[in-house]
């Protein structure tokens, strides 16, 4: 299982990467895509939508199940990766390159409470 050390993780299987402009890029983990199987459909949150931590904001659907993606932190959606909606299989190929959306966090220290790679590996093992 691929769990990059430089990322933060949510118990609901989203990964987060702090960007230099203060935004946070969010996607689903390698573990999540492996559990879902071959992805066939992705619905992303609209740019401008304000999310609360824990709120369902996107959908990933595979040949065997549909699953909500949750906002791991509070913030406003500032970008959505529409490339993944036309190529959902890209998440199966590389879950960490195929990000879903970017948030401008309400709290600049929001990632401090998230899981590190070691804690996430322990969660899913």
Protein backbone atom coordinates (compact mmCIF):
# COMPACT_ATOMS: atom_id res chain seq x y z
CA UNK A 1 0.00 0.00 0.00
CA UNK A 2 1.31 3.42 -0.99
CA UNK A 3 1.14 6.03 1.83
CA UNK A 4 3.35 9.05 1.02
CA UNK A 5 5.05 10.40 4.14
CA UNK A 6 4.67 14.08 3.20
CA UNK A 7 0.86 14.01 3.15
CA UNK A 8 -1.75 14.19 5.92
CA UNK A 9 -4.71 11.79 6.11
CA UNK A 10 -8.27 11.62 7.40
CA UNK A 11 -9.83 8.53 8.97
CA UNK A 12 -12.41 8.69 6.15
CA UNK A 13 -9.56 7.91 3.65
CA UNK A 14 -8.86 11.32 2.14
CA UNK A 15 -5.31 12.61 1.75
CA UNK A 16 -4.33 16.27 2.09
CA UNK A 17 -1.34 18.23 0.80
CA UNK A 18 -0.60 21.79 1.93
CA UNK A 19 0.26 23.99 -1.06
CA UNK A 20 2.60 26.99 -1.05
CA UNK A 21 -0.32 29.38 -1.69
CA UNK A 22 -2.08 28.31 1.53
CA UNK A 23 -4.62 26.04 -0.16
CA UNK A 24 -4.99 22.32 0.57
CA UNK A 25 -5.22 19.72 -2.19
CA UNK A 26 -7.46 16.74 -1.37
CA UNK A 27 -7.94 13.32 -2.92
CA UNK A 28 -8.73 9.75 -1.91
CA UNK A 29 -6.03 7.42 -0.67
CA UNK A 30 -4.52 4.47 -2.47
CA UNK A 31 -6.21 2.24 0.12
CA UNK A 32 -9.62 3.77 -0.68
CA UNK A 33 -9.30 3.33 -4.44
CA UNK A 34 -8.11 -0.27 -3.97
CA UNK A 35 -11.11 -1.06 -1.77
CA UNK A 36 -13.53 0.49 -4.28
CA UNK A 37 -12.08 -1.22 -7.35
CA UNK A 38 -12.33 0.12 -10.88
CA UNK A 39 -13.73 3.65 -10.73
CA UNK A 40 -16.29 4.59 -13.38
CA UNK A 41 -17.79 7.90 -12.20
CA UNK A 42 -16.69 10.89 -10.12
CA UNK A 43 -18.74 13.89 -9.00
CA UNK A 44 -16.83 16.86 -7.57
CA UNK A 45 -17.92 19.77 -5.39
CA UNK A 46 -18.57 23.10 -7.13
CA UNK A 47 -15.95 25.83 -6.94
CA UNK A 48 -17.12 28.40 -4.39
CA UNK A 49 -18.90 25.85 -2.20
CA UNK A 50 -18.13 26.26 1.50
CA UNK A 51 -17.59 22.95 3.27
CA UNK A 52 -17.57 21.88 6.90
CA UNK A 53 -15.24 19.12 8.08
CA UNK A 54 -17.00 15.78 7.79
CA UNK A 55 -19.47 16.98 5.15
CA UNK A 56 -20.02 14.69 2.15
CA UNK A 57 -18.93 16.76 -0.84
CA UNK A 58 -18.00 14.41 -3.69
CA UNK A 59 -18.87 10.95 -4.96
CA UNK A 60 -16.64 8.22 -6.35
CA UNK A 61 -18.40 5.28 -7.95
CA UNK A 62 -16.88 1.99 -8.97
CA UNK A 63 -18.25 -1.07 -10.68
CA UNK A 64 -19.09 -2.48 -7.23
CA UNK A 65 -19.98 0.50 -5.00
CA UNK A 66 -20.52 4.24 -4.70
CA UNK A 67 -18.84 6.11 -1.89
CA UNK A 68 -19.00 9.64 -0.54
CA UNK A 69 -15.85 11.70 -0.22
CA UNK A 70 -15.84 13.90 2.86
CA UNK A 71 -14.30 17.30 3.45
CA UNK A 72 -11.54 16.58 5.96
CA UNK A 73 -11.33 20.25 7.01
CA UNK A 74 -13.49 23.39 6.86
CA UNK A 75 -12.94 25.61 3.84
CA UNK A 76 -14.04 26.97 0.49
CA UNK A 77 -13.56 24.96 -2.70
CA UNK A 78 -11.21 26.97 -4.92
CA UNK A 79 -10.54 24.34 -7.61
CA UNK A 80 -11.95 21.04 -8.83
CA UNK A 81 -9.93 18.61 -10.95
CA UNK A 82 -12.38 18.10 -13.81
CA UNK A 83 -9.82 15.91 -15.62
CA UNK A 84 -10.71 13.05 -13.24
CA UNK A 85 -14.41 13.24 -14.14
CA UNK A 86 -13.62 12.33 -17.75
CA UNK A 87 -10.97 9.76 -16.71
CA UNK A 88 -12.04 8.24 -13.37
CA UNK A 89 -9.61 5.37 -13.89
CA UNK A 90 -6.77 7.84 -13.27
CA UNK A 91 -7.51 7.51 -9.54
CA UNK A 92 -6.91 3.76 -9.78
CA UNK A 93 -3.65 4.37 -11.65
CA UNK A 94 -2.24 6.93 -9.17
CA UNK A 95 -4.49 8.06 -6.33
CA UNK A 96 -1.99 10.72 -5.24
CA UNK A 97 -1.54 12.34 -8.66
CA UNK A 98 -5.29 12.37 -9.40
CA UNK A 99 -6.43 14.93 -6.82
CA UNK A 100 -10.13 15.79 -6.54
CA UNK A 101 -10.43 19.34 -5.23
CA UNK A 102 -8.59 22.18 -3.51
CA UNK A 103 -9.80 24.08 -0.46
CA UNK A 104 -8.88 27.43 1.01
CA UNK A 105 -8.98 26.34 4.67
CA UNK A 106 -11.00 28.36 7.18
CA UNK A 107 -8.27 27.68 9.72
CA UNK A 108 -4.65 27.88 8.48
CA UNK A 109 -3.64 25.27 11.08
CA UNK A 110 -6.37 22.80 10.07
CA UNK A 111 -3.94 20.06 9.01
CA UNK A 112 -2.29 19.95 12.43
CA UNK A 113 -4.99 17.59 13.74
CA UNK A 114 -4.87 15.17 10.80
CA UNK A 115 -3.19 11.76 10.75
CA UNK A 116 0.40 11.44 9.57
CA UNK A 117 1.44 8.57 7.29
CA UNK A 118 2.38 6.22 10.15
CA UNK A 119 -0.95 6.76 11.93
CA UNK A 120 -2.90 6.22 8.69
CA UNK A 121 -0.98 3.01 7.91
CA UNK A 122 -1.83 1.75 11.40
CA UNK A 123 -5.52 2.66 10.85
CA UNK A 124 -5.83 0.62 7.66
CA UNK A 125 -3.62 -2.33 8.57
